[in-house]
Amino acid sequence: RERFSLPQPPVCLRLTTFGRSESDLAQSLDTLQLPPGVTMGYRSSMPIIELKLTGPASEQQAMEKLWLDVKRV
């Protein structure tokens, strides 16, 4: 049998916010530079907005550093 190496699962960081609109958050976060292959997502269920930063495991350190800035917004 051949053996295949499995890729590392992606990293997903989540933050739940309360009381701010999705467009307000997006405007505040648009200035952040995302690492290669990393995406920022929003899920709205007013008045709660969930922010998700998803990317490859190889970018985990950069994502965690960026996540500190996301939490300040």
N, C-alpha and C. Protein backbone atom coordinates (compact mmCIF):
# COMPACT_ATOMS: atom_id res chain seq x y z
N ARG A 1 0.82 -1.19 0.00
CA ARG A 1 0.00 0.00 0.00
C ARG A 1 0.86 1.25 0.00
N GLU A 2 0.39 2.19 -0.73
CA GLU A 2 1.06 3.48 -0.71
C GLU A 2 0.57 4.29 0.48
N ARG A 3 1.43 5.10 1.00
CA ARG A 3 1.06 5.97 2.12
C ARG A 3 1.07 7.41 1.63
N PHE A 4 0.06 8.12 2.03
CA PHE A 4 -0.04 9.52 1.66
C PHE A 4 0.05 10.37 2.91
N SER A 5 0.79 11.44 2.79
CA SER A 5 0.84 12.35 3.94
C SER A 5 -0.37 13.29 3.86
N LEU A 6 -0.99 13.47 5.00
CA LEU A 6 -2.16 14.35 5.05
C LEU A 6 -1.71 15.77 5.37
N PRO A 7 -2.32 16.74 4.72
CA PRO A 7 -1.97 18.13 5.04
C PRO A 7 -2.48 18.49 6.43
N GLN A 8 -1.84 19.47 7.03
CA GLN A 8 -2.29 19.93 8.34
C GLN A 8 -3.65 20.62 8.17
N PRO A 9 -4.54 20.45 9.14
CA PRO A 9 -5.85 21.11 9.04
C PRO A 9 -5.68 22.63 9.13
N PRO A 10 -6.59 23.37 8.52
CA PRO A 10 -6.49 24.83 8.59
C PRO A 10 -6.73 25.34 10.01
N VAL A 11 -6.25 26.52 10.26
CA VAL A 11 -6.43 27.19 11.55
C VAL A 11 -7.64 28.12 11.42
N CYS A 12 -8.50 28.13 12.43
CA CYS A 12 -9.66 29.01 12.43
C CYS A 12 -9.76 29.69 13.79
N LEU A 13 -9.61 31.01 13.79
CA LEU A 13 -9.74 31.80 15.02
C LEU A 13 -11.08 32.51 14.98
N ARG A 14 -11.82 32.49 16.08
CA ARG A 14 -13.17 33.07 16.12
C ARG A 14 -13.30 34.07 17.25
N LEU A 15 -14.09 35.11 16.97
CA LEU A 15 -14.37 36.14 17.96
C LEU A 15 -15.82 36.55 17.80
N THR A 16 -16.55 36.59 18.90
CA THR A 16 -17.94 37.02 18.88
C THR A 16 -18.02 38.45 19.40
N THR A 17 -18.66 39.32 18.63
CA THR A 17 -18.83 40.71 19.04
C THR A 17 -20.31 40.98 19.26
N PHE A 18 -20.58 42.03 19.99
CA PHE A 18 -21.97 42.37 20.32
C PHE A 18 -22.17 43.87 20.17
N GLY A 19 -23.22 44.26 19.46
CA GLY A 19 -23.61 45.66 19.42
C GLY A 19 -23.01 46.51 18.32
N ARG A 20 -22.15 45.96 17.48
CA ARG A 20 -21.60 46.72 16.35
C ARG A 20 -22.10 46.10 15.06
N SER A 21 -22.29 46.93 14.06
CA SER A 21 -22.78 46.42 12.78
C SER A 21 -21.64 45.77 11.99
N GLU A 22 -22.02 44.90 11.08
CA GLU A 22 -21.04 44.21 10.24
C GLU A 22 -20.25 45.21 9.40
N SER A 23 -20.92 46.21 8.85
CA SER A 23 -20.23 47.20 8.02
C SER A 23 -19.27 48.05 8.84
N ASP A 24 -19.62 48.36 10.08
CA ASP A 24 -18.74 49.11 10.97
C ASP A 24 -17.48 48.31 11.27
N LEU A 25 -17.65 47.03 11.57
CA LEU A 25 -16.49 46.17 11.83
C LEU A 25 -15.63 46.02 10.58
N ALA A 26 -16.27 45.80 9.43
CA ALA A 26 -15.53 45.62 8.18
C ALA A 26 -14.71 46.87 7.86
N GLN A 27 -15.29 48.03 8.08
CA GLN A 27 -14.58 49.28 7.81
C GLN A 27 -13.35 49.40 8.72
N SER A 28 -13.49 49.01 9.97
CA SER A 28 -12.37 49.08 10.91
C SER A 28 -11.28 48.06 10.59
N LEU A 29 -11.67 46.91 10.05
CA LEU A 29 -10.72 45.82 9.80
C LEU A 29 -10.13 45.84 8.40
N ASP A 30 -10.67 46.65 7.49
CA ASP A 30 -10.19 46.67 6.11
C ASP A 30 -8.74 47.09 5.97
N THR A 31 -8.21 47.82 6.93
CA THR A 31 -6.83 48.30 6.84
C THR A 31 -5.81 47.22 7.20
N LEU A 32 -6.25 46.13 7.80
CA LEU A 32 -5.33 45.07 8.21
C LEU A 32 -4.84 44.28 7.00
N GLN A 33 -3.55 43.98 6.98
CA GLN A 33 -2.96 43.17 5.92
C GLN A 33 -3.02 41.70 6.32
N LEU A 34 -3.73 40.90 5.54
CA LEU A 34 -3.85 39.47 5.84
C LEU A 34 -2.67 38.71 5.26
N PRO A 35 -2.16 37.71 5.98
CA PRO A 35 -1.09 36.87 5.44
C PRO A 35 -1.58 36.10 4.21
N PRO A 36 -0.67 35.59 3.39
CA PRO A 36 -1.06 34.85 2.18
C PRO A 36 -1.94 33.64 2.52
N GLY A 37 -3.04 33.50 1.80
CA GLY A 37 -3.94 32.35 1.99
C GLY A 37 -4.90 32.49 3.16
N VAL A 38 -4.88 33.62 3.85
CA VAL A 38 -5.73 33.83 5.03
C VAL A 38 -6.93 34.68 4.64
N THR A 39 -8.11 34.31 5.14
CA THR A 39 -9.33 35.07 4.85
C THR A 39 -10.01 35.48 6.15
N MET A 40 -10.68 36.63 6.08
CA MET A 40 -11.46 37.13 7.21
C MET A 40 -12.92 36.99 6.81
N GLY A 41 -13.71 36.39 7.70
CA GLY A 41 -15.13 36.21 7.41
C GLY A 41 -15.99 36.78 8.52
N TYR A 42 -17.22 37.12 8.15
CA TYR A 42 -18.18 37.68 9.10
C TYR A 42 -19.45 36.85 9.02
N ARG A 43 -20.05 36.61 10.17
CA ARG A 43 -21.37 35.95 10.20
C ARG A 43 -22.25 36.77 11.12
N SER A 44 -23.31 37.28 10.54
CA SER A 44 -24.17 38.21 11.26
C SER A 44 -25.46 37.55 11.72
N SER A 45 -25.77 37.75 12.98
CA SER A 45 -27.05 37.37 13.56
C SER A 45 -27.33 38.45 14.60
N MET A 46 -27.75 39.62 14.09
CA MET A 46 -27.87 40.82 14.92
C MET A 46 -28.54 40.52 16.25
N PRO A 47 -27.98 41.03 17.32
CA PRO A 47 -26.91 42.01 17.44
C PRO A 47 -25.52 41.40 17.56
N ILE A 48 -25.38 40.12 17.23
CA ILE A 48 -24.09 39.43 17.36
C ILE A 48 -23.45 39.26 15.99
N ILE A 49 -22.16 39.57 15.91
CA ILE A 49 -21.38 39.35 14.70
C ILE A 49 -20.22 38.44 15.08
N GLU A 50 -20.05 37.34 14.35
CA GLU A 50 -18.92 36.45 14.58
C GLU A 50 -17.87 36.73 13.52
N LEU A 51 -16.64 36.97 13.97
CA LEU A 51 -15.50 37.16 13.07
C LEU A 51 -14.70 35.87 13.04
N LYS A 52 -14.29 35.47 11.83
CA LYS A 52 -13.48 34.26 11.69
C LYS A 52 -12.27 34.58 10.83
N LEU A 53 -11.12 34.20 11.31
CA LEU A 53 -9.88 34.31 10.56
C LEU A 53 -9.44 32.88 10.26
N THR A 54 -9.42 32.53 8.98
CA THR A 54 -9.13 31.15 8.58
C THR A 54 -7.95 31.14 7.62
N GLY A 55 -7.05 30.17 7.83
CA GLY A 55 -5.90 30.07 6.95
C GLY A 55 -5.12 28.80 7.19
N PRO A 56 -4.07 28.60 6.39
CA PRO A 56 -3.26 27.38 6.52
C PRO A 56 -2.47 27.36 7.83
N ALA A 57 -2.19 26.17 8.31
CA ALA A 57 -1.44 26.01 9.56
C ALA A 57 -0.06 26.65 9.47
N SER A 58 0.49 26.72 8.27
CA SER A 58 1.82 27.33 8.10
C SER A 58 1.82 28.82 8.42
N GLU A 59 0.66 29.45 8.43
CA GLU A 59 0.54 30.88 8.73
C GLU A 59 0.02 31.14 10.14
N GLN A 60 0.02 30.12 11.00
CA GLN A 60 -0.58 30.26 12.33
C GLN A 60 0.05 31.38 13.15
N GLN A 61 1.36 31.48 13.15
CA GLN A 61 2.02 32.53 13.95
C GLN A 61 1.61 33.91 13.48
N ALA A 62 1.60 34.13 12.18
CA ALA A 62 1.20 35.43 11.63
C ALA A 62 -0.26 35.71 11.93
N MET A 63 -1.09 34.67 11.88
CA MET A 63 -2.52 34.84 12.17
C MET A 63 -2.74 35.23 13.63
N GLU A 64 -2.02 34.59 14.53
CA GLU A 64 -2.18 34.91 15.96
C GLU A 64 -1.71 36.33 16.26
N LYS A 65 -0.67 36.78 15.59
CA LYS A 65 -0.21 38.16 15.76
C LYS A 65 -1.27 39.13 15.24
N LEU A 66 -1.82 38.84 14.07
CA LEU A 66 -2.88 39.68 13.49
C LEU A 66 -4.13 39.66 14.37
N TRP A 67 -4.40 38.52 14.98
CA TRP A 67 -5.60 38.36 15.80
C TRP A 67 -5.60 39.33 16.99
N LEU A 68 -4.42 39.65 17.50
CA LEU A 68 -4.32 40.64 18.58
C LEU A 68 -4.85 41.99 18.12
N ASP A 69 -4.55 42.37 16.87
CA ASP A 69 -5.07 43.62 16.31
C ASP A 69 -6.57 43.55 16.09
N VAL A 70 -7.06 42.40 15.66
CA VAL A 70 -8.50 42.23 15.43
C VAL A 70 -9.25 42.42 16.75
N LYS A 71 -8.72 41.87 17.82
CA LYS A 71 -9.39 41.97 19.13
C LYS A 71 -9.44 43.41 19.63
N ARG A 72 -8.49 44.24 19.22
CA ARG A 72 -8.47 45.64 19.66
C ARG A 72 -9.55 46.47 18.98
N VAL A 73 -10.00 46.04 17.81
CA VAL A 73 -11.04 46.78 17.07
C VAL A 73 -12.33 46.58 17.79
